[in-house]
């Protein structure tokens, strides 16, 4: 199992434990504390591609979107830090 896949599995396990009412706060760094629900309209073709990837990875659409956004933000943060150096 790849490192990325095992991390995704760990994330899903943490989510299941949280939904069951367990305290999972020790798994969080505080980077993303506040939440706000949004409504997002996406083209059906785009959603189908996302759903195919979710099925391949064995995760939910919501988890994939969060993961993709986090990856993109980390890339931008790294790029911005490199510009400053």
PDB file of N, CA and C in Angstrom:
ATOM      1  N   UNK A   1       0.851  -1.179   0.000  1.00  0.00           N
ATOM      2  CA  UNK A   1       0.000   0.000   0.000  1.00  0.00           C
ATOM      3  C   UNK A   1       0.893   1.238   0.000  1.00  0.00           C
ATOM      4  N   UNK A   2       0.614   2.202  -0.862  1.00  0.00           N
ATOM      5  CA  UNK A   2       1.424   3.398  -0.943  1.00  0.00           C
ATOM      6  C   UNK A   2       1.222   4.264   0.296  1.00  0.00           C
ATOM      7  N   UNK A   3       2.201   5.137   0.523  1.00  0.00           N
ATOM      8  CA  UNK A   3       2.128   6.039   1.673  1.00  0.00           C
ATOM      9  C   UNK A   3       0.898   6.929   1.572  1.00  0.00           C
ATOM     10  N   UNK A   4       0.605   7.416   0.335  1.00  0.00           N
ATOM     11  CA  UNK A   4      -0.553   8.277   0.128  1.00  0.00           C
ATOM     12  C   UNK A   4      -1.844   7.522   0.431  1.00  0.00           C
ATOM     13  N   UNK A   5      -1.932   6.299  -0.023  1.00  0.00           N
ATOM     14  CA  UNK A   5      -3.140   5.492   0.198  1.00  0.00           C
ATOM     15  C   UNK A   5      -3.330   5.204   1.682  1.00  0.00           C
ATOM     16  N   UNK A   6      -2.248   4.892   2.398  1.00  0.00           N
ATOM     17  CA  UNK A   6      -2.388   4.596   3.820  1.00  0.00           C
ATOM     18  C   UNK A   6      -2.818   5.839   4.591  1.00  0.00           C
ATOM     19  N   UNK A   7      -2.356   7.022   4.155  1.00  0.00           N
ATOM     20  CA  UNK A   7      -2.774   8.260   4.809  1.00  0.00           C
ATOM     21  C   UNK A   7      -4.258   8.511   4.566  1.00  0.00           C
ATOM     22  N   UNK A   8      -4.729   8.237   3.357  1.00  0.00           N
ATOM     23  CA  UNK A   8      -6.150   8.398   3.044  1.00  0.00           C
ATOM     24  C   UNK A   8      -6.990   7.440   3.881  1.00  0.00           C
ATOM     25  N   UNK A   9      -6.515   6.220   4.028  1.00  0.00           N
ATOM     26  CA  UNK A   9      -7.224   5.237   4.843  1.00  0.00           C
ATOM     27  C   UNK A   9      -7.277   5.715   6.288  1.00  0.00           C
ATOM     28  N   UNK A  10      -6.176   6.250   6.784  1.00  0.00           N
ATOM     29  CA  UNK A  10      -6.126   6.770   8.149  1.00  0.00           C
ATOM     30  C   UNK A  10      -7.129   7.915   8.319  1.00  0.00           C
ATOM     31  N   UNK A  11      -7.214   8.789   7.339  1.00  0.00           N
ATOM     32  CA  UNK A  11      -8.147   9.913   7.399  1.00  0.00           C
ATOM     33  C   UNK A  11      -9.585   9.404   7.465  1.00  0.00           C
ATOM     34  N   UNK A  12      -9.909   8.416   6.645  1.00  0.00           N
ATOM     35  CA  UNK A  12     -11.258   7.853   6.658  1.00  0.00           C
ATOM     36  C   UNK A  12     -11.563   7.203   8.010  1.00  0.00           C
ATOM     37  N   UNK A  13     -10.583   6.526   8.604  1.00  0.00           N
ATOM     38  CA  UNK A  13     -10.771   5.902   9.918  1.00  0.00           C
ATOM     39  C   UNK A  13     -11.015   6.964  10.992  1.00  0.00           C
ATOM     40  N   UNK A  14     -10.271   8.051  10.934  1.00  0.00           N
ATOM     41  CA  UNK A  14     -10.462   9.145  11.890  1.00  0.00           C
ATOM     42  C   UNK A  14     -11.869   9.715  11.741  1.00  0.00           C
ATOM     43  N   UNK A  15     -12.323   9.879  10.492  1.00  0.00           N
ATOM     44  CA  UNK A  15     -13.672  10.405  10.243  1.00  0.00           C
ATOM     45  C   UNK A  15     -14.733   9.476  10.817  1.00  0.00           C
ATOM     46  N   UNK A  16     -14.563   8.167  10.633  1.00  0.00           N
ATOM     47  CA  UNK A  16     -15.525   7.201  11.175  1.00  0.00           C
ATOM     48  C   UNK A  16     -15.572   7.288  12.700  1.00  0.00           C
ATOM     49  N   UNK A  17     -14.399   7.397  13.322  1.00  0.00           N
ATOM     50  CA  UNK A  17     -14.346   7.485  14.785  1.00  0.00           C
ATOM     51  C   UNK A  17     -15.014   8.774  15.271  1.00  0.00           C
ATOM     52  N   UNK A  18     -14.794   9.869  14.542  1.00  0.00           N
ATOM     53  CA  UNK A  18     -15.413  11.147  14.920  1.00  0.00           C
ATOM     54  C   UNK A  18     -16.934  11.055  14.807  1.00  0.00           C
ATOM     55  N   UNK A  19     -17.421  10.449  13.721  1.00  0.00           N
ATOM     56  CA  UNK A  19     -18.868  10.288  13.539  1.00  0.00           C
ATOM     57  C   UNK A  19     -19.476   9.390  14.617  1.00  0.00           C
ATOM     58  N   UNK A  20     -18.656   8.497  15.168  1.00  0.00           N
ATOM     59  CA  UNK A  20     -19.127   7.611  16.244  1.00  0.00           C
ATOM     60  C   UNK A  20     -19.082   8.302  17.603  1.00  0.00           C
ATOM     61  N   UNK A  21     -18.608   9.549  17.620  1.00  0.00           N
ATOM     62  CA  UNK A  21     -18.595  10.319  18.861  1.00  0.00           C
ATOM     63  C   UNK A  21     -17.288  10.281  19.632  1.00  0.00           C
ATOM     64  N   UNK A  22     -16.265   9.634  19.082  1.00  0.00           N
ATOM     65  CA  UNK A  22     -14.974   9.588  19.761  1.00  0.00           C
ATOM     66  C   UNK A  22     -14.262  10.931  19.649  1.00  0.00           C
ATOM     67  N   UNK A  23     -13.419  11.225  20.631  1.00  0.00           N
ATOM     68  CA  UNK A  23     -12.599  12.439  20.607  1.00  0.00           C
ATOM     69  C   UNK A  23     -11.397  12.169  19.704  1.00  0.00           C
ATOM     70  N   UNK A  24     -11.320  12.856  18.587  1.00  0.00           N
ATOM     71  CA  UNK A  24     -10.213  12.684  17.652  1.00  0.00           C
ATOM     72  C   UNK A  24      -9.389  13.970  17.529  1.00  0.00           C
ATOM     73  N   UNK A  25      -9.538  14.861  18.481  1.00  0.00           N
ATOM     74  CA  UNK A  25      -8.872  16.162  18.415  1.00  0.00           C
ATOM     75  C   UNK A  25      -7.352  16.063  18.375  1.00  0.00           C
ATOM     76  N   UNK A  26      -6.777  14.991  18.912  1.00  0.00           N
ATOM     77  CA  UNK A  26      -5.323  14.863  18.900  1.00  0.00           C
ATOM     78  C   UNK A  26      -4.759  14.631  17.495  1.00  0.00           C
ATOM     79  N   UNK A  27      -5.626  14.373  16.513  1.00  0.00           N
ATOM     80  CA  UNK A  27      -5.177  14.172  15.136  1.00  0.00           C
ATOM     81  C   UNK A  27      -5.093  15.475  14.342  1.00  0.00           C
ATOM     82  N   UNK A  28      -5.489  16.585  14.950  1.00  0.00           N
ATOM     83  CA  UNK A  28      -5.554  17.837  14.216  1.00  0.00           C
ATOM     84  C   UNK A  28      -4.527  18.834  14.711  1.00  0.00           C
ATOM     85  N   UNK A  29      -3.953  19.563  13.781  1.00  0.00           N
ATOM     86  CA  UNK A  29      -2.889  20.513  14.088  1.00  0.00           C
ATOM     87  C   UNK A  29      -3.426  21.908  14.365  1.00  0.00           C
ATOM     88  N   UNK A  30      -4.670  22.151  14.065  1.00  0.00           N
ATOM     89  CA  UNK A  30      -5.230  23.484  14.235  1.00  0.00           C
ATOM     90  C   UNK A  30      -5.144  24.318  12.969  1.00  0.00           C
ATOM     91  N   UNK A  31      -4.640  23.736  11.883  1.00  0.00           N
ATOM     92  CA  UNK A  31      -4.482  24.482  10.638  1.00  0.00           C
ATOM     93  C   UNK A  31      -5.832  24.901  10.042  1.00  0.00           C
ATOM     94  N   UNK A  32      -6.822  24.039  10.129  1.00  0.00           N
ATOM     95  CA  UNK A  32      -8.141  24.324   9.545  1.00  0.00           C
ATOM     96  C   UNK A  32      -9.198  24.151  10.631  1.00  0.00           C
ATOM     97  N   UNK A  33      -9.384  25.153  11.475  1.00  0.00           N
ATOM     98  CA  UNK A  33     -10.310  25.014  12.594  1.00  0.00           C
ATOM     99  C   UNK A  33     -11.739  25.416  12.243  1.00  0.00           C
ATOM    100  N   UNK A  34     -11.920  26.623  11.776  1.00  0.00           N
ATOM    101  CA  UNK A  34     -13.270  27.116  11.497  1.00  0.00           C
ATOM    102  C   UNK A  34     -13.794  26.486  10.210  1.00  0.00           C
ATOM    103  N   UNK A  35     -15.093  26.259  10.168  1.00  0.00           N
ATOM    104  CA  UNK A  35     -15.713  25.682   8.977  1.00  0.00           C
ATOM    105  C   UNK A  35     -16.891  26.537   8.539  1.00  0.00           C
ATOM    106  N   UNK A  36     -17.148  26.507   7.262  1.00  0.00           N
ATOM    107  CA  UNK A  36     -18.321  27.181   6.718  1.00  0.00           C
ATOM    108  C   UNK A  36     -18.844  26.327   5.576  1.00  0.00           C
ATOM    109  N   UNK A  37     -20.113  26.028   5.607  1.00  0.00           N
ATOM    110  CA  UNK A  37     -20.734  25.236   4.547  1.00  0.00           C
ATOM    111  C   UNK A  37     -20.894  26.121   3.315  1.00  0.00           C
ATOM    112  N   UNK A  38     -20.585  25.544   2.160  1.00  0.00           N
ATOM    113  CA  UNK A  38     -20.744  26.271   0.898  1.00  0.00           C
ATOM    114  C   UNK A  38     -21.591  25.442  -0.060  1.00  0.00           C
ATOM    115  N   UNK A  39     -22.145  26.121  -1.027  1.00  0.00           N
ATOM    116  CA  UNK A  39     -22.853  25.464  -2.111  1.00  0.00           C
ATOM    117  C   UNK A  39     -22.015  25.700  -3.354  1.00  0.00           C
ATOM    118  N   UNK A  40     -21.752  24.637  -4.093  1.00  0.00           N
ATOM    119  CA  UNK A  40     -20.858  24.742  -5.237  1.00  0.00           C
ATOM    120  C   UNK A  40     -21.484  24.044  -6.436  1.00  0.00           C
ATOM    121  N   UNK A  41     -21.680  24.783  -7.503  1.00  0.00           N
ATOM    122  CA  UNK A  41     -22.229  24.217  -8.734  1.00  0.00           C
ATOM    123  C   UNK A  41     -21.073  23.840  -9.653  1.00  0.00           C
ATOM    124  N   UNK A  42     -21.048  22.580 -10.068  1.00  0.00           N
ATOM    125  CA  UNK A  42     -20.008  22.091 -10.970  1.00  0.00           C
ATOM    126  C   UNK A  42     -20.654  21.393 -12.154  1.00  0.00           C
ATOM    127  N   UNK A  43     -20.016  21.456 -13.319  1.00  0.00           N
ATOM    128  CA  UNK A  43     -20.550  20.746 -14.486  1.00  0.00           C
ATOM    129  C   UNK A  43     -20.607  19.241 -14.212  1.00  0.00           C
ATOM    130  N   UNK A  44     -21.621  18.560 -14.747  1.00  0.00           N
ATOM    131  CA  UNK A  44     -21.784  17.127 -14.521  1.00  0.00           C
ATOM    132  C   UNK A  44     -20.572  16.326 -14.984  1.00  0.00           C
ATOM    133  N   UNK A  45     -19.985  16.688 -16.092  1.00  0.00           N
ATOM    134  CA  UNK A  45     -18.805  15.973 -16.579  1.00  0.00           C
ATOM    135  C   UNK A  45     -17.682  16.058 -15.565  1.00  0.00           C
ATOM    136  N   UNK A  46     -17.510  17.217 -14.975  1.00  0.00           N
ATOM    137  CA  UNK A  46     -16.481  17.420 -13.957  1.00  0.00           C
ATOM    138  C   UNK A  46     -16.755  16.534 -12.745  1.00  0.00           C
ATOM    139  N   UNK A  47     -18.015  16.488 -12.323  1.00  0.00           N
ATOM    140  CA  UNK A  47     -18.386  15.643 -11.184  1.00  0.00           C
ATOM    141  C   UNK A  47     -18.174  14.161 -11.487  1.00  0.00           C
ATOM    142  N   UNK A  48     -18.463  13.761 -12.707  1.00  0.00           N
ATOM    143  CA  UNK A  48     -18.252  12.355 -13.079  1.00  0.00           C
ATOM    144  C   UNK A  48     -16.775  11.982 -12.986  1.00  0.00           C
ATOM    145  N   UNK A  49     -15.907  12.891 -13.436  1.00  0.00           N
ATOM    146  CA  UNK A  49     -14.465  12.639 -13.345  1.00  0.00           C
ATOM    147  C   UNK A  49     -14.014  12.560 -11.880  1.00  0.00           C
ATOM    148  N   UNK A  50     -14.543  13.457 -11.056  1.00  0.00           N
ATOM    149  CA  UNK A  50     -14.223  13.420  -9.632  1.00  0.00           C
ATOM    150  C   UNK A  50     -14.704  12.110  -9.024  1.00  0.00           C
ATOM    151  N   UNK A  51     -15.920  11.709  -9.357  1.00  0.00           N
ATOM    152  CA  UNK A  51     -16.479  10.474  -8.811  1.00  0.00           C
ATOM    153  C   UNK A  51     -15.678   9.242  -9.236  1.00  0.00           C
ATOM    154  N   UNK A  52     -15.176   9.230 -10.462  1.00  0.00           N
ATOM    155  CA  UNK A  52     -14.330   8.118 -10.905  1.00  0.00           C
ATOM    156  C   UNK A  52     -13.069   8.041 -10.060  1.00  0.00           C
ATOM    157  N   UNK A  53     -12.476   9.193  -9.799  1.00  0.00           N
ATOM    158  CA  UNK A  53     -11.261   9.233  -8.975  1.00  0.00           C
ATOM    159  C   UNK A  53     -11.569   8.816  -7.537  1.00  0.00           C
ATOM    160  N   UNK A  54     -12.708   9.247  -7.028  1.00  0.00           N
ATOM    161  CA  UNK A  54     -13.111   8.864  -5.666  1.00  0.00           C
ATOM    162  C   UNK A  54     -13.282   7.358  -5.568  1.00  0.00           C
ATOM    163  N   UNK A  55     -13.900   6.766  -6.566  1.00  0.00           N
ATOM    164  CA  UNK A  55     -14.109   5.319  -6.566  1.00  0.00           C
ATOM    165  C   UNK A  55     -12.770   4.596  -6.600  1.00  0.00           C
ATOM    166  N   UNK A  56     -11.864   5.087  -7.433  1.00  0.00           N
ATOM    167  CA  UNK A  56     -10.540   4.484  -7.531  1.00  0.00           C
ATOM    168  C   UNK A  56      -9.797   4.556  -6.201  1.00  0.00           C
ATOM    169  N   UNK A  57      -9.945   5.682  -5.505  1.00  0.00           N
ATOM    170  CA  UNK A  57      -9.232   5.893  -4.246  1.00  0.00           C
ATOM    171  C   UNK A  57      -9.985   5.335  -3.037  1.00  0.00           C
ATOM    172  N   UNK A  58     -11.273   5.079  -3.206  1.00  0.00           N
ATOM    173  CA  UNK A  58     -12.078   4.557  -2.102  1.00  0.00           C
ATOM    174  C   UNK A  58     -12.413   5.607  -1.065  1.00  0.00           C
ATOM    175  N   UNK A  59     -12.659   6.843  -1.528  1.00  0.00           N
ATOM    176  CA  UNK A  59     -13.017   7.926  -0.606  1.00  0.00           C
ATOM    177  C   UNK A  59     -14.272   8.622  -1.112  1.00  0.00           C
ATOM    178  N   UNK A  60     -14.845   9.472  -0.269  1.00  0.00           N
ATOM    179  CA  UNK A  60     -16.047  10.210  -0.642  1.00  0.00           C
ATOM    180  C   UNK A  60     -15.697  11.409  -1.514  1.00  0.00           C
ATOM    181  N   UNK A  61     -16.691  11.900  -2.209  1.00  0.00           N
ATOM    182  CA  UNK A  61     -16.514  13.102  -3.037  1.00  0.00           C
ATOM    183  C   UNK A  61     -16.067  14.275  -2.169  1.00  0.00           C
ATOM    184  N   UNK A  62     -16.711  14.446  -1.029  1.00  0.00           N
ATOM    185  CA  UNK A  62     -16.356  15.549  -0.138  1.00  0.00           C
ATOM    186  C   UNK A  62     -14.902  15.439   0.325  1.00  0.00           C
ATOM    187  N   UNK A  63     -14.480  14.234   0.695  1.00  0.00           N
ATOM    188  CA  UNK A  63     -13.099  14.033   1.136  1.00  0.00           C
ATOM    189  C   UNK A  63     -12.127  14.352   0.006  1.00  0.00           C
ATOM    190  N   UNK A  64     -12.469  13.950  -1.223  1.00  0.00           N
ATOM    191  CA  UNK A  64     -11.589  14.207  -2.358  1.00  0.00           C
ATOM    192  C   UNK A  64     -11.466  15.705  -2.631  1.00  0.00           C
ATOM    193  N   UNK A  65     -12.587  16.404  -2.589  1.00  0.00           N
ATOM    194  CA  UNK A  65     -12.558  17.845  -2.852  1.00  0.00           C
ATOM    195  C   UNK A  65     -11.722  18.555  -1.792  1.00  0.00           C
ATOM    196  N   UNK A  66     -11.896  18.177  -0.531  1.00  0.00           N
ATOM    197  CA  UNK A  66     -11.090  18.779   0.540  1.00  0.00           C
ATOM    198  C   UNK A  66      -9.608  18.484   0.340  1.00  0.00           C
ATOM    199  N   UNK A  67      -9.298  17.246  -0.011  1.00  0.00           N
ATOM    200  CA  UNK A  67      -7.913  16.845  -0.218  1.00  0.00           C
ATOM    201  C   UNK A  67      -7.305  17.612  -1.398  1.00  0.00           C
ATOM    202  N   UNK A  68      -8.061  17.724  -2.488  1.00  0.00           N
ATOM    203  CA  UNK A  68      -7.569  18.430  -3.672  1.00  0.00           C
ATOM    204  C   UNK A  68      -7.328  19.907  -3.365  1.00  0.00           C
ATOM    205  N   UNK A  69      -8.233  20.524  -2.633  1.00  0.00           N
ATOM    206  CA  UNK A  69      -8.058  21.927  -2.257  1.00  0.00           C
ATOM    207  C   UNK A  69      -6.840  22.103  -1.353  1.00  0.00           C
ATOM    208  N   UNK A  70      -6.683  21.198  -0.385  1.00  0.00           N
ATOM    209  CA  UNK A  70      -5.544  21.281   0.519  1.00  0.00           C
ATOM    210  C   UNK A  70      -4.232  21.129  -0.251  1.00  0.00           C
ATOM    211  N   UNK A  71      -4.177  20.164  -1.166  1.00  0.00           N
ATOM    212  CA  UNK A  71      -2.963  19.972  -1.965  1.00  0.00           C
ATOM    213  C   UNK A  71      -2.639  21.222  -2.771  1.00  0.00           C
ATOM    214  N   UNK A  72      -3.647  21.814  -3.389  1.00  0.00           N
ATOM    215  CA  UNK A  72      -3.427  23.011  -4.213  1.00  0.00           C
ATOM    216  C   UNK A  72      -2.960  24.185  -3.361  1.00  0.00           C
ATOM    217  N   UNK A  73      -3.559  24.347  -2.184  1.00  0.00           N
ATOM    218  CA  UNK A  73      -3.152  25.441  -1.309  1.00  0.00           C
ATOM    219  C   UNK A  73      -1.725  25.254  -0.802  1.00  0.00           C
ATOM    220  N   UNK A  74      -1.340  24.008  -0.519  1.00  0.00           N
ATOM    221  CA  UNK A  74       0.043  23.735  -0.097  1.00  0.00           C
ATOM    222  C   UNK A  74       1.021  24.040  -1.229  1.00  0.00           C
ATOM    223  N   UNK A  75       0.652  23.725  -2.465  1.00  0.00           N
ATOM    224  CA  UNK A  75       1.505  24.036  -3.613  1.00  0.00           C
ATOM    225  C   UNK A  75       1.691  25.547  -3.739  1.00  0.00           C
ATOM    226  N   UNK A  76       0.593  26.282  -3.605  1.00  0.00           N
ATOM    227  CA  UNK A  76       0.662  27.736  -3.712  1.00  0.00           C
ATOM    228  C   UNK A  76       1.508  28.315  -2.578  1.00  0.00           C
ATOM    229  N   UNK A  77       1.339  27.767  -1.389  1.00  0.00           N
ATOM    230  CA  UNK A  77       2.110  28.234  -0.234  1.00  0.00           C
ATOM    231  C   UNK A  77       3.603  27.980  -0.458  1.00  0.00           C
ATOM    232  N   UNK A  78       3.952  26.803  -0.970  1.00  0.00           N
ATOM    233  CA  UNK A  78       5.355  26.478  -1.246  1.00  0.00           C
ATOM    234  C   UNK A  78       5.924  27.403  -2.314  1.00  0.00           C
ATOM    235  N   UNK A  79       5.129  27.640  -3.351  1.00  0.00           N
ATOM    236  CA  UNK A  79       5.571  28.531  -4.425  1.00  0.00           C
ATOM    237  C   UNK A  79       5.811  29.935  -3.896  1.00  0.00           C
ATOM    238  N   UNK A  80       4.884  30.417  -3.059  1.00  0.00           N
ATOM    239  CA  UNK A  80       5.019  31.762  -2.502  1.00  0.00           C
ATOM    240  C   UNK A  80       6.232  31.868  -1.586  1.00  0.00           C
ATOM    241  N   UNK A  81       6.499  30.832  -0.802  1.00  0.00           N
ATOM    242  CA  UNK A  81       7.676  30.833   0.068  1.00  0.00           C
ATOM    243  C   UNK A  81       8.955  30.822  -0.743  1.00  0.00           C
ATOM    244  N   UNK A  82       8.950  30.119  -1.881  1.00  0.00           N
ATOM    245  CA  UNK A  82      10.135  30.071  -2.740  1.00  0.00           C
ATOM    246  C   UNK A  82      10.408  31.431  -3.356  1.00  0.00           C
ATOM    247  N   UNK A  83       9.371  32.195  -3.661  1.00  0.00           N
ATOM    248  CA  UNK A  83       9.540  33.529  -4.229  1.00  0.00           C
ATOM    249  C   UNK A  83      10.199  34.470  -3.244  1.00  0.00           C
ATOM    250  N   UNK A  84       9.873  34.311  -1.959  1.00  0.00           N
ATOM    251  CA  UNK A  84      10.406  35.187  -0.914  1.00  0.00           C
ATOM    252  C   UNK A  84      11.886  34.899  -0.677  1.00  0.00           C
ATOM    253  N   UNK A  85      12.279  33.648  -0.848  1.00  0.00           N
ATOM    254  CA  UNK A  85      13.674  33.265  -0.573  1.00  0.00           C
ATOM    255  C   UNK A  85      14.638  33.799  -1.590  1.00  0.00           C
TER     256      UNK A  85
END
